[in-house]
Amino acid sequence: MNNFFQNTYLQSALDWIKTNYIKIILVVFILSIVFGWIYYRNLIQEENSKKASILFDEFNFMLNKDDIDLEALTLLREKTKDKYPNQIYSILMDFEISQLNYNLNNFQESLNILRAINLELEQRGIEASFLKDLSRLRLSLLLISENEIDEAREILNKNFIFFEELKYEFLGDAELKSSNQEEARENYETALELTFSEIHKELIRIKLSSINN
């Protein structure tokens, strides 16, 4: 009896395959294209990542020279951005170039670069959260030093995944520079609650004591 049912089931399956074999071939063909494209895309991304990392290594080599050529570094960054726009290496280069400009007292150029970095990162997804939050902090700190308080507040009031203690500390700095002592105190106290670093806590306490005095 079992053999009868098994044979009947097998025959039904074979009949269904004969009736629908064109659909089966079509589905297999489509799936092979889809998975083949995914594999090819991942392969290209991996290859591009390797090539971009080589340019980043070259950038760091130039950065560590005694006589730093800012123009050459900028050209290498532009080459990396043009060839590998989806990689993060050009953004990392921009962070360094911004710092170099800051060290050379080119504050406006440093600010412009940080604005561009932040604009690009804000358009990326959660995978860029660390760099996104870092760009917000770097940009807001320079904005505060340049008395661009409203723009700094706008950036710092965004949702942070990382560096929340620094977010509130910098908000405190912005409010203090605007002579809003009570708001500064509240932000410093929030930063104090969030940080786990004893050194950082001591630095925040020093800022709080300056308000108390």
C-alpha atoms as a PDB file:
ATOM      1  CA  MET A   1       0.000   0.000   0.000  1.00  0.00           C
ATOM      2  CA  ASN A   2       2.827   2.365   0.909  1.00  0.00           C
ATOM      3  CA  ASN A   3       4.532   1.630  -2.393  1.00  0.00           C
ATOM      4  CA  PHE A   4       1.307   2.465  -4.180  1.00  0.00           C
ATOM      5  CA  PHE A   5       1.067   5.885  -2.544  1.00  0.00           C
ATOM      6  CA  GLN A   6       4.778   6.557  -3.097  1.00  0.00           C
ATOM      7  CA  ASN A   7       4.483   5.703  -6.785  1.00  0.00           C
ATOM      8  CA  THR A   8       1.346   7.823  -7.106  1.00  0.00           C
ATOM      9  CA  TYR A   9       3.063  10.786  -5.433  1.00  0.00           C
ATOM     10  CA  LEU A  10       6.148  10.359  -7.617  1.00  0.00           C
ATOM     11  CA  GLN A  11       4.042  10.195 -10.759  1.00  0.00           C
ATOM     12  CA  SER A  12       2.120  13.311  -9.743  1.00  0.00           C
ATOM     13  CA  ALA A  13       5.382  15.163  -9.130  1.00  0.00           C
ATOM     14  CA  LEU A  14       6.739  14.115 -12.504  1.00  0.00           C
ATOM     15  CA  ASP A  15       3.521  15.184 -14.223  1.00  0.00           C
ATOM     16  CA  TRP A  16       3.694  18.593 -12.493  1.00  0.00           C
ATOM     17  CA  ILE A  17       7.322  19.042 -13.567  1.00  0.00           C
ATOM     18  CA  LYS A  18       6.441  18.150 -17.174  1.00  0.00           C
ATOM     19  CA  THR A  19       3.608  20.683 -17.145  1.00  0.00           C
ATOM     20  CA  ASN A  20       5.618  23.480 -15.492  1.00  0.00           C
ATOM     21  CA  TYR A  21       9.178  22.805 -16.648  1.00  0.00           C
ATOM     22  CA  ILE A  22       9.381  26.080 -18.590  1.00  0.00           C
ATOM     23  CA  LYS A  23       8.463  28.025 -15.432  1.00  0.00           C
ATOM     24  CA  ILE A  24      11.011  26.044 -13.435  1.00  0.00           C
ATOM     25  CA  ILE A  25      13.757  26.790 -15.960  1.00  0.00           C
ATOM     26  CA  LEU A  26      12.780  30.470 -15.947  1.00  0.00           C
ATOM     27  CA  VAL A  27      12.903  30.694 -12.129  1.00  0.00           C
ATOM     28  CA  VAL A  28      16.289  28.951 -12.015  1.00  0.00           C
ATOM     29  CA  PHE A  29      17.575  31.282 -14.728  1.00  0.00           C
ATOM     30  CA  ILE A  30      16.374  34.411 -12.889  1.00  0.00           C
ATOM     31  CA  LEU A  31      17.821  33.220  -9.574  1.00  0.00           C
ATOM     32  CA  SER A  32      21.160  32.454 -11.195  1.00  0.00           C
ATOM     33  CA  ILE A  33      21.252  35.990 -12.642  1.00  0.00           C
ATOM     34  CA  VAL A  34      20.343  37.567  -9.287  1.00  0.00           C
ATOM     35  CA  PHE A  35      22.884  35.587  -7.251  1.00  0.00           C
ATOM     36  CA  GLY A  36      25.493  36.015  -9.967  1.00  0.00           C
ATOM     37  CA  TRP A  37      25.003  39.791  -9.905  1.00  0.00           C
ATOM     38  CA  ILE A  38      25.223  39.895  -6.101  1.00  0.00           C
ATOM     39  CA  TYR A  39      28.460  37.886  -6.209  1.00  0.00           C
ATOM     40  CA  TYR A  40      29.892  40.110  -8.947  1.00  0.00           C
ATOM     41  CA  ARG A  41      28.932  43.302  -7.111  1.00  0.00           C
ATOM     42  CA  ASN A  42      30.503  42.091  -3.864  1.00  0.00           C
ATOM     43  CA  LEU A  43      33.625  41.083  -5.766  1.00  0.00           C
ATOM     44  CA  ILE A  44      33.893  44.552  -7.348  1.00  0.00           C
ATOM     45  CA  GLN A  45      33.319  46.260  -3.990  1.00  0.00           C
ATOM     46  CA  GLU A  46      36.021  44.166  -2.361  1.00  0.00           C
ATOM     47  CA  GLU A  47      38.444  44.942  -5.184  1.00  0.00           C
ATOM     48  CA  ASN A  48      37.638  48.666  -5.021  1.00  0.00           C
ATOM     49  CA  SER A  49      38.130  48.626  -1.255  1.00  0.00           C
ATOM     50  CA  LYS A  50      41.596  47.110  -1.680  1.00  0.00           C
ATOM     51  CA  LYS A  51      42.596  49.675  -4.311  1.00  0.00           C
ATOM     52  CA  ALA A  52      41.259  52.558  -2.228  1.00  0.00           C
ATOM     53  CA  SER A  53      43.126  51.301   0.831  1.00  0.00           C
ATOM     54  CA  ILE A  54      46.371  51.333  -1.181  1.00  0.00           C
ATOM     55  CA  LEU A  55      45.781  55.020  -1.979  1.00  0.00           C
ATOM     56  CA  PHE A  56      45.021  55.634   1.694  1.00  0.00           C
ATOM     57  CA  ASP A  57      48.327  54.015   2.650  1.00  0.00           C
ATOM     58  CA  GLU A  58      50.077  56.289   0.156  1.00  0.00           C
ATOM     59  CA  PHE A  59      48.260  59.269   1.695  1.00  0.00           C
ATOM     60  CA  ASN A  60      49.438  58.308   5.200  1.00  0.00           C
ATOM     61  CA  PHE A  61      52.997  57.849   3.949  1.00  0.00           C
ATOM     62  CA  MET A  62      52.942  61.402   2.547  1.00  0.00           C
ATOM     63  CA  LEU A  63      51.286  62.660   5.732  1.00  0.00           C
ATOM     64  CA  ASN A  64      54.137  61.330   7.877  1.00  0.00           C
ATOM     65  CA  LYS A  65      56.874  63.070   5.905  1.00  0.00           C
ATOM     66  CA  ASP A  66      58.754  65.942   7.510  1.00  0.00           C
ATOM     67  CA  ASP A  67      57.795  68.280   4.659  1.00  0.00           C
ATOM     68  CA  ILE A  68      54.066  67.758   4.167  1.00  0.00           C
ATOM     69  CA  ASP A  69      52.756  68.741   0.725  1.00  0.00           C
ATOM     70  CA  LEU A  70      49.149  69.799   1.336  1.00  0.00           C
ATOM     71  CA  GLU A  71      48.448  70.249  -2.370  1.00  0.00           C
ATOM     72  CA  ALA A  72      49.671  66.727  -3.183  1.00  0.00           C
ATOM     73  CA  LEU A  73      47.557  65.293  -0.375  1.00  0.00           C
ATOM     74  CA  THR A  74      44.494  67.125  -1.684  1.00  0.00           C
ATOM     75  CA  LEU A  75      45.074  65.811  -5.210  1.00  0.00           C
ATOM     76  CA  LEU A  76      45.391  62.256  -3.900  1.00  0.00           C
ATOM     77  CA  ARG A  77      42.171  62.700  -1.947  1.00  0.00           C
ATOM     78  CA  GLU A  78      40.386  63.921  -5.110  1.00  0.00           C
ATOM     79  CA  LYS A  79      41.700  60.936  -7.055  1.00  0.00           C
ATOM     80  CA  THR A  80      40.405  58.557  -4.379  1.00  0.00           C
ATOM     81  CA  LYS A  81      37.003  60.274  -4.314  1.00  0.00           C
ATOM     82  CA  ASP A  82      36.659  60.191  -8.107  1.00  0.00           C
ATOM     83  CA  LYS A  83      37.629  56.542  -8.499  1.00  0.00           C
ATOM     84  CA  TYR A  84      36.070  55.074  -5.361  1.00  0.00           C
ATOM     85  CA  PRO A  85      33.206  57.375  -4.277  1.00  0.00           C
ATOM     86  CA  ASN A  86      31.475  54.740  -2.159  1.00  0.00           C
ATOM     87  CA  GLN A  87      34.509  54.010   0.000  1.00  0.00           C
ATOM     88  CA  ILE A  88      35.200  55.826   3.284  1.00  0.00           C
ATOM     89  CA  TYR A  89      38.886  56.437   2.587  1.00  0.00           C
ATOM     90  CA  SER A  90      38.396  59.831   0.950  1.00  0.00           C
ATOM     91  CA  ILE A  91      36.408  60.927   4.026  1.00  0.00           C
ATOM     92  CA  LEU A  92      39.237  59.818   6.312  1.00  0.00           C
ATOM     93  CA  MET A  93      41.632  61.793   4.125  1.00  0.00           C
ATOM     94  CA  ASP A  94      39.418  64.860   4.428  1.00  0.00           C
ATOM     95  CA  PHE A  95      39.526  64.655   8.218  1.00  0.00           C
ATOM     96  CA  GLU A  96      43.319  64.824   8.045  1.00  0.00           C
ATOM     97  CA  ILE A  97      43.353  67.623   5.469  1.00  0.00           C
ATOM     98  CA  SER A  98      40.932  69.628   7.602  1.00  0.00           C
ATOM     99  CA  GLN A  99      43.226  69.214  10.612  1.00  0.00           C
ATOM    100  CA  LEU A 100      46.250  70.256   8.572  1.00  0.00           C
ATOM    101  CA  ASN A 101      44.461  73.425   7.477  1.00  0.00           C
ATOM    102  CA  TYR A 102      43.503  74.115  11.079  1.00  0.00           C
ATOM    103  CA  ASN A 103      47.128  73.717  12.179  1.00  0.00           C
ATOM    104  CA  LEU A 104      48.127  76.185   9.463  1.00  0.00           C
ATOM    105  CA  ASN A 105      45.518  78.675  10.791  1.00  0.00           C
ATOM    106  CA  ASN A 106      43.386  78.202   7.669  1.00  0.00           C
ATOM    107  CA  PHE A 107      40.299  78.033   9.859  1.00  0.00           C
ATOM    108  CA  GLN A 108      37.732  78.814   7.149  1.00  0.00           C
ATOM    109  CA  GLU A 109      39.115  76.145   4.819  1.00  0.00           C
ATOM    110  CA  SER A 110      39.150  73.647   7.681  1.00  0.00           C
ATOM    111  CA  LEU A 111      35.538  74.567   8.459  1.00  0.00           C
ATOM    112  CA  ASN A 112      34.467  74.205   4.818  1.00  0.00           C
ATOM    113  CA  ILE A 113      36.001  70.733   4.610  1.00  0.00           C
ATOM    114  CA  LEU A 114      34.316  69.626   7.830  1.00  0.00           C
ATOM    115  CA  ARG A 115      30.967  70.921   6.575  1.00  0.00           C
ATOM    116  CA  ALA A 116      31.392  68.910   3.359  1.00  0.00           C
ATOM    117  CA  ILE A 117      32.363  65.783   5.316  1.00  0.00           C
ATOM    118  CA  ASN A 118      29.350  66.114   7.577  1.00  0.00           C
ATOM    119  CA  LEU A 119      26.978  66.738   4.670  1.00  0.00           C
ATOM    120  CA  GLU A 120      28.149  63.570   2.925  1.00  0.00           C
ATOM    121  CA  LEU A 121      28.011  61.441   6.074  1.00  0.00           C
ATOM    122  CA  GLU A 122      24.527  62.674   7.023  1.00  0.00           C
ATOM    123  CA  GLN A 123      23.290  61.160   3.764  1.00  0.00           C
ATOM    124  CA  ARG A 124      24.713  57.738   4.607  1.00  0.00           C
ATOM    125  CA  GLY A 125      23.063  54.997   6.635  1.00  0.00           C
ATOM    126  CA  ILE A 126      23.661  53.526  10.050  1.00  0.00           C
ATOM    127  CA  GLU A 127      26.888  51.865   8.882  1.00  0.00           C
ATOM    128  CA  ALA A 128      28.507  55.328   8.917  1.00  0.00           C
ATOM    129  CA  SER A 129      27.220  56.271  12.392  1.00  0.00           C
ATOM    130  CA  PHE A 130      30.642  56.362  14.048  1.00  0.00           C
ATOM    131  CA  LEU A 131      32.176  58.695  11.466  1.00  0.00           C
ATOM    132  CA  LYS A 132      28.940  60.688  11.271  1.00  0.00           C
ATOM    133  CA  ASP A 133      28.992  61.413  15.005  1.00  0.00           C
ATOM    134  CA  LEU A 134      32.713  62.157  14.880  1.00  0.00           C
ATOM    135  CA  SER A 135      32.210  64.660  12.068  1.00  0.00           C
ATOM    136  CA  ARG A 136      29.453  66.364  14.070  1.00  0.00           C
ATOM    137  CA  LEU A 137      31.763  66.761  17.053  1.00  0.00           C
ATOM    138  CA  ARG A 138      34.724  68.022  15.032  1.00  0.00           C
ATOM    139  CA  LEU A 139      32.537  70.460  13.111  1.00  0.00           C
ATOM    140  CA  SER A 140      30.642  71.751  16.146  1.00  0.00           C
ATOM    141  CA  LEU A 141      33.864  72.286  18.109  1.00  0.00           C
ATOM    142  CA  LEU A 142      35.307  74.453  15.336  1.00  0.00           C
ATOM    143  CA  LEU A 143      31.992  76.286  14.928  1.00  0.00           C
ATOM    144  CA  ILE A 144      31.964  77.116  18.641  1.00  0.00           C
ATOM    145  CA  SER A 145      35.513  78.451  18.438  1.00  0.00           C
ATOM    146  CA  GLU A 146      34.425  80.619  15.482  1.00  0.00           C
ATOM    147  CA  ASN A 147      31.322  81.850  17.376  1.00  0.00           C
ATOM    148  CA  GLU A 148      28.938  80.055  14.992  1.00  0.00           C
ATOM    149  CA  ILE A 149      26.856  78.960  17.981  1.00  0.00           C
ATOM    150  CA  ASP A 150      23.467  78.455  16.305  1.00  0.00           C
ATOM    151  CA  GLU A 151      24.892  76.101  13.687  1.00  0.00           C
ATOM    152  CA  ALA A 152      26.838  74.226  16.373  1.00  0.00           C
ATOM    153  CA  ARG A 153      23.652  73.772  18.437  1.00  0.00           C
ATOM    154  CA  GLU A 154      21.761  72.487  15.408  1.00  0.00           C
ATOM    155  CA  ILE A 155      24.404  69.840  14.754  1.00  0.00           C
ATOM    156  CA  LEU A 156      24.799  68.777  18.384  1.00  0.00           C
ATOM    157  CA  ASN A 157      21.048  68.442  18.926  1.00  0.00           C
ATOM    158  CA  LYS A 158      20.896  65.566  16.432  1.00  0.00           C
ATOM    159  CA  ASN A 159      20.607  61.981  17.656  1.00  0.00           C
ATOM    160  CA  PHE A 160      24.028  60.542  18.476  1.00  0.00           C
ATOM    161  CA  ILE A 161      24.799  56.828  18.687  1.00  0.00           C
ATOM    162  CA  PHE A 162      28.363  57.399  19.867  1.00  0.00           C
ATOM    163  CA  PHE A 163      30.084  60.070  21.986  1.00  0.00           C
ATOM    164  CA  GLU A 164      26.960  61.263  23.793  1.00  0.00           C
ATOM    165  CA  GLU A 165      29.034  62.508  26.713  1.00  0.00           C
ATOM    166  CA  LEU A 166      31.019  64.733  24.328  1.00  0.00           C
ATOM    167  CA  LYS A 167      27.828  65.881  22.641  1.00  0.00           C
ATOM    168  CA  TYR A 168      26.518  67.286  25.927  1.00  0.00           C
ATOM    169  CA  GLU A 169      29.891  68.681  26.940  1.00  0.00           C
ATOM    170  CA  PHE A 170      30.119  70.600  23.656  1.00  0.00           C
ATOM    171  CA  LEU A 171      26.518  71.768  24.056  1.00  0.00           C
ATOM    172  CA  GLY A 172      27.613  73.083  27.450  1.00  0.00           C
ATOM    173  CA  ASP A 173      30.543  74.873  25.794  1.00  0.00           C
ATOM    174  CA  ALA A 174      28.189  76.432  23.232  1.00  0.00           C
ATOM    175  CA  GLU A 175      25.779  77.654  25.908  1.00  0.00           C
ATOM    176  CA  LEU A 176      28.595  78.957  28.077  1.00  0.00           C
ATOM    177  CA  LYS A 177      29.992  80.928  25.171  1.00  0.00           C
ATOM    178  CA  SER A 178      26.514  82.419  24.725  1.00  0.00           C
ATOM    179  CA  SER A 179      26.463  83.302  28.446  1.00  0.00           C
ATOM    180  CA  ASN A 180      23.600  80.866  29.073  1.00  0.00           C
ATOM    181  CA  GLN A 181      25.084  79.583  32.304  1.00  0.00           C
ATOM    182  CA  GLU A 182      22.116  77.546  33.517  1.00  0.00           C
ATOM    183  CA  GLU A 183      21.793  75.693  30.185  1.00  0.00           C
ATOM    184  CA  ALA A 184      25.560  75.150  30.192  1.00  0.00           C
ATOM    185  CA  ARG A 185      25.398  73.712  33.703  1.00  0.00           C
ATOM    186  CA  GLU A 186      22.601  71.286  32.742  1.00  0.00           C
ATOM    187  CA  ASN A 187      24.527  70.013  29.727  1.00  0.00           C
ATOM    188  CA  TYR A 188      27.765  69.615  31.696  1.00  0.00           C
ATOM    189  CA  GLU A 189      25.928  67.664  34.393  1.00  0.00           C
ATOM    190  CA  THR A 190      24.401  65.369  31.760  1.00  0.00           C
ATOM    191  CA  ALA A 191      27.866  64.825  30.254  1.00  0.00           C
ATOM    192  CA  LEU A 192      29.190  64.064  33.738  1.00  0.00           C
ATOM    193  CA  GLU A 193      26.538  61.371  34.229  1.00  0.00           C
ATOM    194  CA  LEU A 194      27.237  59.767  30.847  1.00  0.00           C
ATOM    195  CA  THR A 195      31.028  59.555  30.897  1.00  0.00           C
ATOM    196  CA  PHE A 196      32.897  56.618  32.416  1.00  0.00           C
ATOM    197  CA  SER A 197      36.329  58.225  32.205  1.00  0.00           C
ATOM    198  CA  GLU A 198      37.585  59.672  35.478  1.00  0.00           C
ATOM    199  CA  ILE A 199      39.868  62.051  33.586  1.00  0.00           C
ATOM    200  CA  HIS A 200      36.949  63.281  31.510  1.00  0.00           C
ATOM    201  CA  LYS A 201      34.827  63.678  34.646  1.00  0.00           C
ATOM    202  CA  GLU A 202      37.509  65.847  36.212  1.00  0.00           C
ATOM    203  CA  LEU A 203      37.656  68.056  33.118  1.00  0.00           C
ATOM    204  CA  ILE A 204      33.882  68.527  33.195  1.00  0.00           C
ATOM    205  CA  ARG A 205      33.977  69.313  36.919  1.00  0.00           C
ATOM    206  CA  ILE A 206      36.514  72.049  36.191  1.00  0.00           C
ATOM    207  CA  LYS A 207      34.089  73.565  33.664  1.00  0.00           C
ATOM    208  CA  LEU A 208      31.249  73.300  36.173  1.00  0.00           C
ATOM    209  CA  SER A 209      33.331  74.996  38.859  1.00  0.00           C
ATOM    210  CA  SER A 210      33.989  77.908  36.523  1.00  0.00           C
ATOM    211  CA  ILE A 211      30.218  78.439  36.350  1.00  0.00           C
ATOM    212  CA  ASN A 212      29.772  78.083  40.116  1.00  0.00           C
ATOM    213  CA  ASN A 213      32.419  80.717  40.658  1.00  0.00           C
END
